[in-house]
Full PDB file with SEQRES, HELIX, SHEET, SSBOND, CRYST1, ORIGX, SCALE, CONECT and MASTER records, all heavy atoms in Angstrom:
SEQRES   1 A   35  ASN LEU ILE ALA THR VAL ASP LEU SER GLY ARG GLU GLY          
SEQRES   2 A   35  SER ILE GLY THR ILE PRO VAL GLN VAL SER VAL ALA VAL          
SEQRES   3 A   35  SER GLY SER ASN ARG SER TRP ILE TYR                          
SHEET    1 AA1 2 LEU A   2  VAL A   6  0                                        
SHEET    2 AA1 2 VAL A  22  VAL A  26 -1                                        
CRYST1    1.000    1.000    1.000  90.00  90.00  90.00 P 1           1          
ORIGX1      1.000000  0.000000  0.000000        0.00000                         
ORIGX2      0.000000  1.000000  0.000000        0.00000                         
ORIGX3      0.000000  0.000000  1.000000        0.00000                         
SCALE1      1.000000  0.000000  0.000000        0.00000                         
SCALE2      0.000000  1.000000  0.000000        0.00000                         
SCALE3      0.000000  0.000000  1.000000        0.00000                         
ATOM      1  N   ASN A   1       0.816  -1.220   0.000  1.00  0.00           N  
ATOM      2  CA  ASN A   1       0.000   0.000   0.000  1.00  0.00           C  
ATOM      3  C   ASN A   1       0.852   1.274   0.000  1.00  0.00           C  
ATOM      4  O   ASN A   1       0.308   2.378  -0.052  1.00  0.00           O  
ATOM      5  CB  ASN A   1      -0.910   0.022   1.225  1.00  0.00           C  
ATOM      6  CG  ASN A   1      -1.967  -1.057   1.184  1.00  0.00           C  
ATOM      7  OD1 ASN A   1      -1.901  -2.030   1.929  1.00  0.00           O  
ATOM      8  ND2 ASN A   1      -2.949  -0.904   0.300  1.00  0.00           N  
ATOM      9  N   LEU A   2       2.145   1.126   0.067  1.00  0.00           N  
ATOM     10  CA  LEU A   2       3.022   2.299   0.143  1.00  0.00           C  
ATOM     11  C   LEU A   2       3.534   2.685  -1.237  1.00  0.00           C  
ATOM     12  O   LEU A   2       3.924   1.817  -2.034  1.00  0.00           O  
ATOM     13  CB  LEU A   2       4.199   2.021   1.072  1.00  0.00           C  
ATOM     14  CG  LEU A   2       3.838   1.625   2.512  1.00  0.00           C  
ATOM     15  CD1 LEU A   2       5.111   1.405   3.324  1.00  0.00           C  
ATOM     16  CD2 LEU A   2       2.963   2.690   3.158  1.00  0.00           C  
ATOM     17  N   ILE A   3       3.525   3.955  -1.511  1.00  0.00           N  
ATOM     18  CA  ILE A   3       4.024   4.498  -2.777  1.00  0.00           C  
ATOM     19  C   ILE A   3       5.136   5.485  -2.444  1.00  0.00           C  
ATOM     20  O   ILE A   3       4.884   6.527  -1.820  1.00  0.00           O  
ATOM     21  CB  ILE A   3       2.910   5.202  -3.567  1.00  0.00           C  
ATOM     22  CG1 ILE A   3       1.739   4.231  -3.795  1.00  0.00           C  
ATOM     23  CG2 ILE A   3       3.439   5.760  -4.866  1.00  0.00           C  
ATOM     24  CD1 ILE A   3       0.509   4.902  -4.358  1.00  0.00           C  
ATOM     25  N   ALA A   4       6.364   5.193  -2.830  1.00  0.00           N  
ATOM     26  CA  ALA A   4       7.525   6.041  -2.516  1.00  0.00           C  
ATOM     27  C   ALA A   4       8.008   6.742  -3.777  1.00  0.00           C  
ATOM     28  O   ALA A   4       8.278   6.095  -4.788  1.00  0.00           O  
ATOM     29  CB  ALA A   4       8.637   5.207  -1.911  1.00  0.00           C  
ATOM     30  N   THR A   5       8.107   8.062  -3.708  1.00  0.00           N  
ATOM     31  CA  THR A   5       8.533   8.863  -4.853  1.00  0.00           C  
ATOM     32  C   THR A   5       9.735   9.709  -4.468  1.00  0.00           C  
ATOM     33  O   THR A   5       9.723  10.393  -3.431  1.00  0.00           O  
ATOM     34  CB  THR A   5       7.396   9.781  -5.339  1.00  0.00           C  
ATOM     35  OG1 THR A   5       6.244   8.975  -5.627  1.00  0.00           O  
ATOM     36  CG2 THR A   5       7.813  10.546  -6.576  1.00  0.00           C  
ATOM     37  N   VAL A   6      10.762   9.675  -5.324  1.00  0.00           N  
ATOM     38  CA  VAL A   6      11.964  10.492  -5.105  1.00  0.00           C  
ATOM     39  C   VAL A   6      12.004  11.547  -6.208  1.00  0.00           C  
ATOM     40  O   VAL A   6      12.222  11.229  -7.375  1.00  0.00           O  
ATOM     41  CB  VAL A   6      13.238   9.625  -5.125  1.00  0.00           C  
ATOM     42  CG1 VAL A   6      14.466  10.498  -4.872  1.00  0.00           C  
ATOM     43  CG2 VAL A   6      13.141   8.510  -4.087  1.00  0.00           C  
ATOM     44  N   ASP A   7      11.805  12.776  -5.846  1.00  0.00           N  
ATOM     45  CA  ASP A   7      11.756  13.888  -6.807  1.00  0.00           C  
ATOM     46  C   ASP A   7      13.157  14.497  -6.922  1.00  0.00           C  
ATOM     47  O   ASP A   7      13.726  14.981  -5.929  1.00  0.00           O  
ATOM     48  CB  ASP A   7      10.753  14.936  -6.332  1.00  0.00           C  
ATOM     49  CG  ASP A   7      10.520  16.031  -7.358  1.00  0.00           C  
ATOM     50  OD1 ASP A   7      11.205  16.032  -8.408  1.00  0.00           O  
ATOM     51  OD2 ASP A   7       9.656  16.894  -7.107  1.00  0.00           O  
ATOM     52  N   LEU A   8      13.723  14.490  -8.132  1.00  0.00           N  
ATOM     53  CA  LEU A   8      15.080  15.008  -8.358  1.00  0.00           C  
ATOM     54  C   LEU A   8      15.083  16.420  -8.944  1.00  0.00           C  
ATOM     55  O   LEU A   8      16.083  16.855  -9.514  1.00  0.00           O  
ATOM     56  CB  LEU A   8      15.842  14.057  -9.277  1.00  0.00           C  
ATOM     57  CG  LEU A   8      16.030  12.629  -8.759  1.00  0.00           C  
ATOM     58  CD1 LEU A   8      16.905  11.830  -9.722  1.00  0.00           C  
ATOM     59  CD2 LEU A   8      16.643  12.620  -7.364  1.00  0.00           C  
ATOM     60  N   SER A   9      13.991  17.144  -8.798  1.00  0.00           N  
ATOM     61  CA  SER A   9      13.957  18.531  -9.284  1.00  0.00           C  
ATOM     62  C   SER A   9      15.052  19.350  -8.603  1.00  0.00           C  
ATOM     63  O   SER A   9      15.270  19.251  -7.385  1.00  0.00           O  
ATOM     64  CB  SER A   9      12.590  19.163  -8.989  1.00  0.00           C  
ATOM     65  OG  SER A   9      11.562  18.464  -9.662  1.00  0.00           O  
ATOM     66  N   GLY A  10      15.738  20.173  -9.400  1.00  0.00           N  
ATOM     67  CA  GLY A  10      16.784  21.028  -8.855  1.00  0.00           C  
ATOM     68  C   GLY A  10      18.091  20.330  -8.588  1.00  0.00           C  
ATOM     69  O   GLY A  10      18.981  20.904  -7.943  1.00  0.00           O  
ATOM     70  N   ARG A  11      18.258  19.107  -9.076  1.00  0.00           N  
ATOM     71  CA  ARG A  11      19.492  18.362  -8.827  1.00  0.00           C  
ATOM     72  C   ARG A  11      20.449  18.409 -10.012  1.00  0.00           C  
ATOM     73  O   ARG A  11      21.360  17.586 -10.117  1.00  0.00           O  
ATOM     74  CB  ARG A  11      19.151  16.896  -8.519  1.00  0.00           C  
ATOM     75  CG  ARG A  11      18.340  16.702  -7.245  1.00  0.00           C  
ATOM     76  CD  ARG A  11      19.182  16.971  -6.019  1.00  0.00           C  
ATOM     77  NE  ARG A  11      18.402  16.840  -4.790  1.00  0.00           N  
ATOM     78  CZ  ARG A  11      18.917  16.903  -3.581  1.00  0.00           C  
ATOM     79  NH1 ARG A  11      20.225  17.095  -3.439  1.00  0.00           N  
ATOM     80  NH2 ARG A  11      18.162  16.793  -2.521  1.00  0.00           N  
ATOM     81  N   GLU A  12      20.256  19.385 -10.909  1.00  0.00           N  
ATOM     82  CA  GLU A  12      21.141  19.493 -12.066  1.00  0.00           C  
ATOM     83  C   GLU A  12      22.596  19.641 -11.610  1.00  0.00           C  
ATOM     84  O   GLU A  12      22.885  20.401 -10.687  1.00  0.00           O  
ATOM     85  CB  GLU A  12      20.743  20.697 -12.933  1.00  0.00           C  
ATOM     86  CG  GLU A  12      19.398  20.560 -13.617  1.00  0.00           C  
ATOM     87  CD  GLU A  12      18.235  20.939 -12.725  1.00  0.00           C  
ATOM     88  OE1 GLU A  12      18.485  21.233 -11.545  1.00  0.00           O  
ATOM     89  OE2 GLU A  12      17.079  20.924 -13.202  1.00  0.00           O  
ATOM     90  N   GLY A  13      23.478  18.909 -12.293  1.00  0.00           N  
ATOM     91  CA  GLY A  13      24.902  19.021 -11.996  1.00  0.00           C  
ATOM     92  C   GLY A  13      25.362  18.194 -10.822  1.00  0.00           C  
ATOM     93  O   GLY A  13      26.549  18.243 -10.450  1.00  0.00           O  
ATOM     94  N   SER A  14      24.440  17.425 -10.196  1.00  0.00           N  
ATOM     95  CA  SER A  14      24.847  16.605  -9.044  1.00  0.00           C  
ATOM     96  C   SER A  14      25.711  15.432  -9.505  1.00  0.00           C  
ATOM     97  O   SER A  14      25.427  14.799 -10.524  1.00  0.00           O  
ATOM     98  CB  SER A  14      23.613  16.075  -8.311  1.00  0.00           C  
ATOM     99  OG  SER A  14      22.860  17.144  -7.777  1.00  0.00           O  
ATOM    100  N   ILE A  15      26.745  15.144  -8.762  1.00  0.00           N  
ATOM    101  CA  ILE A  15      27.656  14.031  -9.050  1.00  0.00           C  
ATOM    102  C   ILE A  15      27.918  13.283  -7.751  1.00  0.00           C  
ATOM    103  O   ILE A  15      28.107  13.882  -6.692  1.00  0.00           O  
ATOM    104  CB  ILE A  15      28.997  14.524  -9.653  1.00  0.00           C  
ATOM    105  CG1 ILE A  15      28.757  15.255 -10.976  1.00  0.00           C  
ATOM    106  CG2 ILE A  15      29.966  13.363  -9.838  1.00  0.00           C  
ATOM    107  CD1 ILE A  15      28.240  14.383 -12.081  1.00  0.00           C  
ATOM    108  N   GLY A  16      27.922  11.932  -7.844  1.00  0.00           N  
ATOM    109  CA  GLY A  16      28.216  11.129  -6.679  1.00  0.00           C  
ATOM    110  C   GLY A  16      26.964  10.728  -5.931  1.00  0.00           C  
ATOM    111  O   GLY A  16      25.833  10.905  -6.393  1.00  0.00           O  
ATOM    112  N   THR A  17      27.154  10.183  -4.732  1.00  0.00           N  
ATOM    113  CA  THR A  17      26.054   9.687  -3.917  1.00  0.00           C  
ATOM    114  C   THR A  17      25.558  10.792  -2.994  1.00  0.00           C  
ATOM    115  O   THR A  17      26.344  11.360  -2.217  1.00  0.00           O  
ATOM    116  CB  THR A  17      26.493   8.477  -3.088  1.00  0.00           C  
ATOM    117  OG1 THR A  17      26.967   7.448  -3.969  1.00  0.00           O  
ATOM    118  CG2 THR A  17      25.334   7.937  -2.260  1.00  0.00           C  
ATOM    119  N   ILE A  18      24.255  11.083  -3.074  1.00  0.00           N  
ATOM    120  CA  ILE A  18      23.658  12.187  -2.313  1.00  0.00           C  
ATOM    121  C   ILE A  18      22.371  11.697  -1.669  1.00  0.00           C  
ATOM    122  O   ILE A  18      21.550  11.053  -2.328  1.00  0.00           O  
ATOM    123  CB  ILE A  18      23.362  13.384  -3.235  1.00  0.00           C  
ATOM    124  CG1 ILE A  18      24.660  13.902  -3.889  1.00  0.00           C  
ATOM    125  CG2 ILE A  18      22.688  14.509  -2.453  1.00  0.00           C  
ATOM    126  CD1 ILE A  18      24.434  14.981  -4.906  1.00  0.00           C  
ATOM    127  N   PRO A  19      22.147  11.989  -0.369  1.00  0.00           N  
ATOM    128  CA  PRO A  19      20.866  11.648   0.252  1.00  0.00           C  
ATOM    129  C   PRO A  19      19.769  12.588  -0.269  1.00  0.00           C  
ATOM    130  O   PRO A  19      19.941  13.809  -0.289  1.00  0.00           O  
ATOM    131  CB  PRO A  19      21.116  11.850   1.747  1.00  0.00           C  
ATOM    132  CG  PRO A  19      22.270  12.789   1.832  1.00  0.00           C  
ATOM    133  CD  PRO A  19      23.111  12.554   0.613  1.00  0.00           C  
ATOM    134  N   VAL A  20      18.661  12.038  -0.680  1.00  0.00           N  
ATOM    135  CA  VAL A  20      17.554  12.815  -1.225  1.00  0.00           C  
ATOM    136  C   VAL A  20      16.286  12.428  -0.483  1.00  0.00           C  
ATOM    137  O   VAL A  20      16.040  11.236  -0.205  1.00  0.00           O  
ATOM    138  CB  VAL A  20      17.382  12.554  -2.741  1.00  0.00           C  
ATOM    139  CG1 VAL A  20      16.223  13.381  -3.286  1.00  0.00           C  
ATOM    140  CG2 VAL A  20      18.674  12.878  -3.488  1.00  0.00           C  
ATOM    141  N   GLN A  21      15.456  13.420  -0.145  1.00  0.00           N  
ATOM    142  CA  GLN A  21      14.228  13.151   0.585  1.00  0.00           C  
ATOM    143  C   GLN A  21      13.253  12.362  -0.291  1.00  0.00           C  
ATOM    144  O   GLN A  21      13.123  12.618  -1.484  1.00  0.00           O  
ATOM    145  CB  GLN A  21      13.578  14.453   1.043  1.00  0.00           C  
ATOM    146  CG  GLN A  21      12.391  14.235   1.984  1.00  0.00           C  
ATOM    147  CD  GLN A  21      11.957  15.532   2.660  1.00  0.00           C  
ATOM    148  OE1 GLN A  21      12.707  16.498   2.669  1.00  0.00           O  
ATOM    149  NE2 GLN A  21      10.765  15.529   3.213  1.00  0.00           N  
ATOM    150  N   VAL A  22      12.545  11.415   0.362  1.00  0.00           N  
ATOM    151  CA  VAL A  22      11.581  10.579  -0.340  1.00  0.00           C  
ATOM    152  C   VAL A  22      10.199  10.854   0.227  1.00  0.00           C  
ATOM    153  O   VAL A  22      10.035  11.051   1.441  1.00  0.00           O  
ATOM    154  CB  VAL A  22      11.935   9.076  -0.214  1.00  0.00           C  
ATOM    155  CG1 VAL A  22      11.987   8.661   1.244  1.00  0.00           C  
ATOM    156  CG2 VAL A  22      10.925   8.220  -0.958  1.00  0.00           C  
ATOM    157  N   SER A  23       9.215  10.927  -0.652  1.00  0.00           N  
ATOM    158  CA  SER A  23       7.839  11.127  -0.243  1.00  0.00           C  
ATOM    159  C   SER A  23       7.105   9.793  -0.301  1.00  0.00           C  
ATOM    160  O   SER A  23       7.057   9.145  -1.345  1.00  0.00           O  
ATOM    161  CB  SER A  23       7.153  12.144  -1.167  1.00  0.00           C  
ATOM    162  OG  SER A  23       5.779  12.252  -0.856  1.00  0.00           O  
ATOM    163  N   VAL A  24       6.525   9.392   0.861  1.00  0.00           N  
ATOM    164  CA  VAL A  24       5.835   8.097   0.949  1.00  0.00           C  
ATOM    165  C   VAL A  24       4.352   8.355   1.166  1.00  0.00           C  
ATOM    166  O   VAL A  24       3.965   9.027   2.138  1.00  0.00           O  
ATOM    167  CB  VAL A  24       6.398   7.239   2.087  1.00  0.00           C  
ATOM    168  CG1 VAL A  24       5.705   5.873   2.103  1.00  0.00           C  
ATOM    169  CG2 VAL A  24       7.910   7.080   1.953  1.00  0.00           C  
ATOM    170  N   ALA A  25       3.544   7.861   0.271  1.00  0.00           N  
ATOM    171  CA  ALA A  25       2.097   8.008   0.376  1.00  0.00           C  
ATOM    172  C   ALA A  25       1.460   6.649   0.638  1.00  0.00           C  
ATOM    173  O   ALA A  25       2.070   5.592   0.436  1.00  0.00           O  
ATOM    174  CB  ALA A  25       1.535   8.618  -0.902  1.00  0.00           C  
ATOM    175  N   VAL A  26       0.196   6.718   1.115  1.00  0.00           N  
ATOM    176  CA  VAL A  26      -0.536   5.496   1.451  1.00  0.00           C  
ATOM    177  C   VAL A  26      -1.705   5.340   0.478  1.00  0.00           C  
ATOM    178  O   VAL A  26      -2.457   6.291   0.250  1.00  0.00           O  
ATOM    179  CB  VAL A  26      -1.064   5.553   2.899  1.00  0.00           C  
ATOM    180  CG1 VAL A  26      -1.891   4.298   3.207  1.00  0.00           C  
ATOM    181  CG2 VAL A  26       0.096   5.679   3.880  1.00  0.00           C  
ATOM    182  N   SER A  27      -1.837   4.151  -0.067  1.00  0.00           N  
ATOM    183  CA  SER A  27      -3.001   3.851  -0.898  1.00  0.00           C  
ATOM    184  C   SER A  27      -3.921   2.888  -0.147  1.00  0.00           C  
ATOM    185  O   SER A  27      -3.475   2.162   0.743  1.00  0.00           O  
ATOM    186  CB  SER A  27      -2.562   3.215  -2.232  1.00  0.00           C  
ATOM    187  OG  SER A  27      -1.968   1.940  -2.001  1.00  0.00           O  
ATOM    188  N   GLY A  28      -5.183   2.923  -0.486  1.00  0.00           N  
ATOM    189  CA  GLY A  28      -6.128   2.015   0.154  1.00  0.00           C  
ATOM    190  C   GLY A  28      -6.751   2.582   1.403  1.00  0.00           C  
ATOM    191  O   GLY A  28      -7.633   1.945   1.996  1.00  0.00           O  
ATOM    192  N   SER A  29      -6.326   3.789   1.867  1.00  0.00           N  
ATOM    193  CA  SER A  29      -6.929   4.437   3.042  1.00  0.00           C  
ATOM    194  C   SER A  29      -6.759   5.938   2.891  1.00  0.00           C  
ATOM    195  O   SER A  29      -5.623   6.435   2.781  1.00  0.00           O  
ATOM    196  CB  SER A  29      -6.269   3.962   4.343  1.00  0.00           C  
ATOM    197  OG  SER A  29      -6.751   4.729   5.447  1.00  0.00           O  
ATOM    198  N   ASN A  30      -7.876   6.661   2.862  1.00  0.00           N  
ATOM    199  CA  ASN A  30      -7.799   8.122   2.738  1.00  0.00           C  
ATOM    200  C   ASN A  30      -7.823   8.805   4.095  1.00  0.00           C  
ATOM    201  O   ASN A  30      -8.026  10.015   4.193  1.00  0.00           O  
ATOM    202  CB  ASN A  30      -8.937   8.639   1.861  1.00  0.00           C  
ATOM    203  CG  ASN A  30     -10.313   8.369   2.470  1.00  0.00           C  
ATOM    204  OD1 ASN A  30     -10.429   7.778   3.542  1.00  0.00           O  
ATOM    205  ND2 ASN A  30     -11.359   8.788   1.764  1.00  0.00           N  
ATOM    206  N   ARG A  31      -7.625   8.000   5.175  1.00  0.00           N  
ATOM    207  CA  ARG A  31      -7.565   8.575   6.515  1.00  0.00           C  
ATOM    208  C   ARG A  31      -6.221   8.288   7.202  1.00  0.00           C  
ATOM    209  O   ARG A  31      -6.050   8.581   8.380  1.00  0.00           O  
ATOM    210  CB  ARG A  31      -8.705   8.014   7.380  1.00  0.00           C  
ATOM    211  CG  ARG A  31     -10.107   8.386   6.881  1.00  0.00           C  
ATOM    212  CD  ARG A  31     -11.180   7.834   7.809  1.00  0.00           C  
ATOM    213  NE  ARG A  31     -11.118   6.358   7.876  1.00  0.00           N  
ATOM    214  CZ  ARG A  31     -11.826   5.632   8.740  1.00  0.00           C  
ATOM    215  NH1 ARG A  31     -12.615   6.236   9.622  1.00  0.00           N  
ATOM    216  NH2 ARG A  31     -11.743   4.307   8.726  1.00  0.00           N  
ATOM    217  N   SER A  32      -5.263   7.740   6.458  1.00  0.00           N  
ATOM    218  CA  SER A  32      -3.958   7.375   7.025  1.00  0.00           C  
ATOM    219  C   SER A  32      -2.851   8.188   6.364  1.00  0.00           C  
ATOM    220  O   SER A  32      -2.993   8.692   5.237  1.00  0.00           O  
ATOM    221  CB  SER A  32      -3.703   5.874   6.834  1.00  0.00           C  
ATOM    222  OG  SER A  32      -4.717   5.107   7.455  1.00  0.00           O  
ATOM    223  N   TRP A  33      -1.722   8.276   7.030  1.00  0.00           N  
ATOM    224  CA  TRP A  33      -0.570   9.009   6.510  1.00  0.00           C  
ATOM    225  C   TRP A  33       0.718   8.413   7.070  1.00  0.00           C  
ATOM    226  O   TRP A  33       0.688   7.607   8.004  1.00  0.00           O  
ATOM    227  CB  TRP A  33      -0.680  10.502   6.845  1.00  0.00           C  
ATOM    228  CG  TRP A  33      -0.600  10.813   8.326  1.00  0.00           C  
ATOM    229  CD1 TRP A  33       0.495  11.125   9.044  1.00  0.00           C  
ATOM    230  CD2 TRP A  33      -1.686  10.818   9.255  1.00  0.00           C  
ATOM    231  NE1 TRP A  33       0.200  11.347  10.351  1.00  0.00           N  
ATOM    232  CE2 TRP A  33      -1.148  11.173  10.522  1.00  0.00           C  
ATOM    233  CE3 TRP A  33      -3.070  10.562   9.156  1.00  0.00           C  
ATOM    234  CZ2 TRP A  33      -1.929  11.282  11.662  1.00  0.00           C  
ATOM    235  CZ3 TRP A  33      -3.850  10.674  10.300  1.00  0.00           C  
ATOM    236  CH2 TRP A  33      -3.286  11.015  11.530  1.00  0.00           C  
ATOM    237  N   ILE A  34       1.851   8.836   6.503  1.00  0.00           N  
ATOM    238  CA  ILE A  34       3.164   8.367   6.956  1.00  0.00           C  
ATOM    239  C   ILE A  34       3.767   9.432   7.861  1.00  0.00           C  
ATOM    240  O   ILE A  34       3.862  10.616   7.484  1.00  0.00           O  
ATOM    241  CB  ILE A  34       4.087   8.069   5.769  1.00  0.00           C  
ATOM    242  CG1 ILE A  34       3.491   6.968   4.906  1.00  0.00           C  
ATOM    243  CG2 ILE A  34       5.479   7.676   6.261  1.00  0.00           C  
ATOM    244  CD1 ILE A  34       3.283   5.649   5.642  1.00  0.00           C  
ATOM    245  N   TYR A  35       4.186   9.013   9.050  1.00  0.00           N  
ATOM    246  CA  TYR A  35       4.775   9.933  10.017  1.00  0.00           C  
ATOM    247  C   TYR A  35       6.291   9.991   9.838  1.00  0.00           C  
ATOM    248  O   TYR A  35       6.956   8.962   9.709  1.00  0.00           O  
ATOM    249  CB  TYR A  35       4.453   9.462  11.435  1.00  0.00           C  
ATOM    250  CG  TYR A  35       5.203  10.210  12.509  1.00  0.00           C  
ATOM    251  CD1 TYR A  35       4.832  11.503  12.866  1.00  0.00           C  
ATOM    252  CD2 TYR A  35       6.292   9.625  13.149  1.00  0.00           C  
ATOM    253  CE1 TYR A  35       5.521  12.195  13.846  1.00  0.00           C  
ATOM    254  CE2 TYR A  35       6.996  10.309  14.136  1.00  0.00           C  
ATOM    255  CZ  TYR A  35       6.606  11.602  14.474  1.00  0.00           C  
ATOM    256  OH  TYR A  35       7.298  12.282  15.434  1.00  0.00           O  
TER     257      TYR A  35                                                      
MASTER        0    0    0    0    2    0    0    6  256    1    0    3          
END                                                                             
């Protein structure tokens, strides 16, 4: 039920290994969220 998206907007010119924030959404329940 988890959908994880990594948005690389604004990462032009990046080289090497970089930690990037991931957005995790929930499917199957419109009353739940990821803390």
